[in-house]
Amino acid sequence: MNQSYIFFEAYSQVVELRQYTLHPGKRDVLIELFEREFIESQEATGIRLIGQFRDLDNPDRFVWLRGFADMPARARALQAFYGGPVWQAHRDAANPTMVDSDNVLQLCPAYAVSGFQIERRPRPAVGASDDGPGLVVATLYHFNAAVDEDFLAFFADELVPALGKCGAAVTAALVNDATPNNFPALPVREGEHVFAWFARFADLQALDRHRAALEALPAWRERLQPTLLRRLARPPETLRLAPTARSRLHG
């Protein structure tokens, strides 16, 4: 679908978009612990850590993405990690930072080539303190019924070119995966119909330029945006995400 991929390593047929609400002032505490203890230990079980982020619009929200080769691999990996020594050693430090960790969407690629793909380069070492470069923006479309082929064609054939023309190449496009949760100890949001797409920007100014260019595009104002909004159950949800120091996905 997206002709502007510059990546090399495909990631994950199953993706969790995890949004944690934290106690005030605890986000950096959790991020430091997470990046020190929970990246390599999850990856050792087969989990793919795609990205970790600060939500720029909520100082008490930590957002992260992880992936799995398939659902059986998910069950095996989660059992291995949450039953393993690293989580057992550090859960009593992690859990008190959280108010809610159940805001989780289970997603899968919307198209054959629309999953996350990550550049092959080393992850910054444990202890890295500089934030990751750029900005990642997630846009969530909510529907009253399952995302259908007609919408998928509309997005790929009409929205993607308009977004790209205005400076937003689609990095990944995912839909909710209705496969039953096979690790019920960790809840996921069920019965929802979501389409999620992700774009990367150099900085907030690049995002602002994209938005201004899109609003100035006659096709967007006159046809594409009204057509999109008529299809949705509610207005689009946008997450402006600042990568943490060790996030693989960044701007």
Protein backbone atom coordinates (compact mmCIF):
# COMPACT_ATOMS: atom_id res chain seq x y z
CA MET A 1 0.00 0.00 0.00
CA ASN A 2 2.60 2.52 1.08
CA GLN A 3 5.22 3.08 -1.58
CA SER A 4 7.48 5.19 0.65
CA TYR A 5 8.76 2.48 2.98
CA ILE A 6 12.45 2.94 3.71
CA PHE A 7 12.63 0.14 6.22
CA PHE A 8 14.20 -3.28 6.21
CA GLU A 9 12.88 -5.50 8.99
CA ALA A 10 9.21 -6.51 9.07
CA TYR A 11 7.55 -6.66 12.48
CA SER A 12 4.60 -8.56 13.80
CA GLN A 13 1.31 -9.94 12.62
CA VAL A 14 -0.15 -9.18 16.06
CA VAL A 15 0.41 -5.77 17.66
CA GLU A 16 -0.67 -4.41 21.03
CA LEU A 17 -1.16 -0.66 21.36
CA ARG A 18 -0.92 -0.17 25.11
CA GLN A 19 -1.90 3.13 26.77
CA TYR A 20 -1.17 3.29 30.50
CA THR A 21 -2.60 5.94 32.80
CA LEU A 22 -0.07 6.61 35.56
CA HIS A 23 -0.09 8.32 38.90
CA PRO A 24 1.00 11.96 38.66
CA GLY A 25 4.74 12.35 38.40
CA LYS A 26 5.41 8.64 37.85
CA ARG A 27 5.88 8.49 34.08
CA ASP A 28 9.63 9.01 34.08
CA VAL A 29 9.95 6.55 36.96
CA LEU A 30 8.22 3.85 34.91
CA ILE A 31 10.12 4.69 31.72
CA GLU A 32 13.49 4.41 33.48
CA LEU A 33 12.52 1.04 34.94
CA PHE A 34 10.95 -0.15 31.69
CA GLU A 35 13.95 0.73 29.53
CA ARG A 36 16.40 -0.79 31.99
CA GLU A 37 14.58 -4.04 32.80
CA PHE A 38 11.69 -4.77 30.41
CA ILE A 39 13.05 -4.44 26.87
CA GLU A 40 15.67 -7.15 26.47
CA SER A 41 13.82 -9.42 28.90
CA GLN A 42 10.66 -9.31 26.77
CA GLU A 43 12.58 -9.69 23.52
CA ALA A 44 14.28 -12.79 24.94
CA THR A 45 10.85 -14.48 24.98
CA GLY A 46 10.09 -13.58 21.35
CA ILE A 47 8.16 -10.35 22.01
CA ARG A 48 9.09 -7.52 19.66
CA LEU A 49 9.37 -4.14 21.34
CA ILE A 50 8.34 -1.70 18.61
CA GLY A 51 8.23 1.59 20.48
CA GLN A 52 7.81 3.39 23.81
CA PHE A 53 6.46 6.94 24.05
CA ARG A 54 5.44 9.85 26.19
CA ASP A 55 1.98 11.12 25.22
CA LEU A 56 2.52 14.83 24.60
CA ASP A 57 -1.10 15.62 25.45
CA ASN A 58 -1.25 13.77 28.76
CA PRO A 59 1.70 13.97 31.18
CA ASP A 60 0.44 10.90 33.01
CA ARG A 61 0.14 8.58 30.03
CA PHE A 62 2.80 6.13 28.82
CA VAL A 63 2.14 4.51 25.43
CA TRP A 64 3.96 1.54 23.98
CA LEU A 65 3.73 -0.94 21.15
CA ARG A 66 4.78 -4.55 21.14
CA GLY A 67 4.36 -7.25 18.54
CA PHE A 68 4.21 -10.99 18.11
CA ALA A 69 4.69 -13.31 15.16
CA ASP A 70 1.18 -14.73 15.63
CA MET A 71 -1.35 -15.46 18.38
CA PRO A 72 0.17 -18.77 19.57
CA ALA A 73 3.54 -17.01 19.84
CA ARG A 74 1.83 -14.27 21.86
CA ALA A 75 0.48 -16.71 24.43
CA ARG A 76 3.85 -18.44 24.81
CA ALA A 77 5.82 -15.22 25.08
CA LEU A 78 3.51 -13.53 27.57
CA GLN A 79 3.45 -16.60 29.79
CA ALA A 80 7.24 -16.77 29.66
CA PHE A 81 7.72 -13.09 30.48
CA TYR A 82 5.06 -12.56 33.16
CA GLY A 83 5.87 -15.90 34.74
CA GLY A 84 9.59 -15.26 34.51
CA PRO A 85 12.16 -13.87 36.91
CA VAL A 86 12.51 -10.32 35.58
CA TRP A 87 8.83 -9.38 35.87
CA GLN A 88 8.57 -11.16 39.20
CA ALA A 89 11.55 -9.18 40.50
CA HIS A 90 10.33 -5.76 39.32
CA ARG A 91 6.53 -5.89 39.20
CA ASP A 92 6.25 -4.44 42.70
CA ALA A 93 8.11 -1.38 41.45
CA ALA A 94 6.22 -1.10 38.15
CA ASN A 95 2.62 -1.69 39.24
CA PRO A 96 2.42 1.15 41.81
CA THR A 97 3.19 3.69 39.08
CA MET A 98 -0.02 2.74 37.25
CA VAL A 99 -3.63 3.77 37.68
CA ASP A 100 -4.82 1.73 34.68
CA SER A 101 -3.01 -0.62 32.31
CA ASP A 102 -6.06 -2.17 30.59
CA ASN A 103 -6.40 0.33 27.72
CA VAL A 104 -5.02 -2.09 25.14
CA LEU A 105 -5.96 -2.57 21.50
CA GLN A 106 -5.08 -5.88 19.86
CA LEU A 107 -4.33 -5.09 16.22
CA CYS A 108 -3.15 -6.72 13.02
CA PRO A 109 -2.01 -5.32 9.64
CA ALA A 110 -4.88 -3.94 7.57
CA TYR A 111 -3.11 -4.82 4.30
CA ALA A 112 -0.49 -7.34 3.26
CA VAL A 113 2.34 -4.81 3.55
CA SER A 114 1.07 -2.36 6.16
CA GLY A 115 2.56 -3.70 9.38
CA PHE A 116 5.36 -1.97 11.23
CA GLN A 117 8.77 -2.21 9.64
CA ILE A 118 11.80 -1.06 11.57
CA GLU A 119 15.22 0.04 10.43
CA ARG A 120 17.97 -2.47 11.09
CA ARG A 121 20.20 -0.56 13.48
CA PRO A 122 21.25 -1.11 17.08
CA ARG A 123 18.95 -0.02 19.85
CA PRO A 124 20.52 2.61 22.13
CA ALA A 125 22.19 1.00 25.12
CA VAL A 126 20.69 0.66 28.57
CA GLY A 127 21.16 3.97 30.34
CA ALA A 128 20.70 6.12 27.23
CA SER A 129 19.22 9.40 28.39
CA ASP A 130 18.52 11.42 25.25
CA ASP A 131 14.96 11.11 24.00
CA GLY A 132 14.43 9.39 20.68
CA PRO A 133 14.30 11.67 17.64
CA GLY A 134 11.18 13.13 16.13
CA LEU A 135 7.52 12.40 16.69
CA VAL A 136 5.17 9.50 16.01
CA VAL A 137 1.47 10.25 15.46
CA ALA A 138 -1.17 7.56 15.80
CA THR A 139 -4.61 8.25 14.36
CA LEU A 140 -7.47 5.99 15.41
CA TYR A 141 -10.73 5.70 13.48
CA HIS A 142 -13.64 4.11 15.37
CA PHE A 143 -16.50 2.37 13.55
CA ASN A 144 -19.86 0.91 14.53
CA ALA A 145 -19.12 -2.32 12.67
CA ALA A 146 -16.11 -4.22 11.39
CA VAL A 147 -13.81 -2.27 9.11
CA ASP A 148 -14.83 -3.34 5.61
CA GLU A 149 -13.09 -3.68 2.26
CA ASP A 150 -14.76 -0.53 0.98
CA PHE A 151 -13.13 1.58 3.68
CA LEU A 152 -9.78 -0.15 3.20
CA ALA A 153 -9.90 0.73 -0.49
CA PHE A 154 -10.93 4.32 0.30
CA PHE A 155 -8.04 4.74 2.71
CA ALA A 156 -5.42 3.17 0.44
CA ASP A 157 -6.56 4.71 -2.84
CA GLU A 158 -7.66 8.17 -1.72
CA LEU A 159 -6.51 9.08 1.79
CA VAL A 160 -2.94 7.77 1.59
CA PRO A 161 -2.07 9.83 -1.50
CA ALA A 162 -3.61 12.97 0.02
CA LEU A 163 -1.80 12.45 3.31
CA GLY A 164 1.47 11.82 1.52
CA LYS A 165 1.05 14.92 -0.64
CA CYS A 166 0.78 16.92 2.58
CA GLY A 167 3.83 15.40 4.22
CA ALA A 168 2.51 12.39 6.15
CA ALA A 169 3.73 9.07 4.80
CA VAL A 170 1.80 6.21 6.39
CA THR A 171 4.25 4.10 8.37
CA ALA A 172 1.76 1.40 9.36
CA ALA A 173 -1.97 0.75 9.02
CA LEU A 174 -3.67 -1.70 11.37
CA VAL A 175 -7.15 -2.92 12.27
CA ASN A 176 -8.46 -4.46 15.46
CA ASP A 177 -7.86 -8.20 15.65
CA ALA A 178 -11.03 -9.93 16.82
CA THR A 179 -9.19 -13.15 17.70
CA PRO A 180 -10.02 -14.01 21.33
CA ASN A 181 -7.46 -12.86 23.85
CA ASN A 182 -5.32 -15.94 24.56
CA PHE A 183 -3.64 -14.47 27.65
CA PRO A 184 -6.64 -13.34 29.73
CA ALA A 185 -4.47 -12.28 32.67
CA LEU A 186 -3.85 -9.14 30.59
CA PRO A 187 -7.16 -7.68 29.33
CA VAL A 188 -7.60 -6.13 25.90
CA ARG A 189 -10.44 -3.96 24.64
CA GLU A 190 -13.05 -6.23 23.06
CA GLY A 191 -16.03 -5.60 20.80
CA GLU A 192 -14.49 -2.49 19.25
CA HIS A 193 -13.93 -1.74 15.57
CA VAL A 194 -10.81 0.35 15.04
CA PHE A 195 -8.55 1.32 12.17
CA ALA A 196 -5.21 2.79 13.28
CA TRP A 197 -2.59 4.43 11.13
CA PHE A 198 0.80 5.78 12.13
CA ALA A 199 3.03 8.47 10.67
CA ARG A 200 6.46 9.81 11.61
CA PHE A 201 7.47 13.47 11.70
CA ALA A 202 10.74 15.25 12.31
CA ASP A 203 9.21 17.47 14.98
CA LEU A 204 6.03 19.24 16.06
CA GLN A 205 6.55 21.94 13.45
CA ALA A 206 6.54 19.30 10.70
CA LEU A 207 3.26 17.96 12.07
CA ASP A 208 1.79 21.48 12.09
CA ARG A 209 2.88 22.01 8.47
CA HIS A 210 1.23 18.73 7.50
CA ARG A 211 -2.02 19.67 9.17
CA ALA A 212 -2.05 23.12 7.57
CA ALA A 213 -1.32 21.65 4.14
CA LEU A 214 -4.09 19.09 4.55
CA GLU A 215 -6.64 21.73 5.56
CA ALA A 216 -5.62 23.81 2.55
CA LEU A 217 -6.10 20.91 0.14
CA PRO A 218 -9.43 21.38 -1.67
CA ALA A 219 -9.96 17.65 -2.14
CA TRP A 220 -9.57 17.11 1.59
CA ARG A 221 -11.92 19.88 2.66
CA GLU A 222 -14.58 19.31 0.03
CA ARG A 223 -14.72 15.53 -0.32
CA LEU A 224 -12.25 13.35 1.56
CA GLN A 225 -12.74 14.65 5.10
CA PRO A 226 -16.58 14.75 4.89
CA THR A 227 -16.63 11.26 3.40
CA LEU A 228 -14.33 9.99 6.15
CA LEU A 229 -16.27 11.57 9.01
CA ARG A 230 -19.58 10.16 7.75
CA ARG A 231 -18.16 6.68 8.09
CA LEU A 232 -16.91 7.03 11.65
CA ALA A 233 -18.71 6.38 14.92
CA ARG A 234 -17.00 9.39 16.50
CA PRO A 235 -14.30 11.94 15.65
CA PRO A 236 -10.82 10.57 15.00
CA GLU A 237 -8.58 10.07 18.02
CA THR A 238 -5.02 11.37 17.66
CA LEU A 239 -2.02 10.47 19.82
CA ARG A 240 1.06 12.69 19.57
CA LEU A 241 3.85 10.46 20.81
CA ALA A 242 7.41 11.43 21.73
CA PRO A 243 9.78 8.44 21.50
CA THR A 244 11.73 7.49 24.58
CA ALA A 245 15.49 7.02 24.46
CA ARG A 246 15.37 3.32 23.54
CA SER A 247 12.29 3.27 21.29
CA ARG A 248 12.92 1.54 17.96
CA LEU A 249 10.10 3.46 16.31
CA HIS A 250 10.75 7.19 16.15
CA GLY A 251 10.36 10.19 13.88
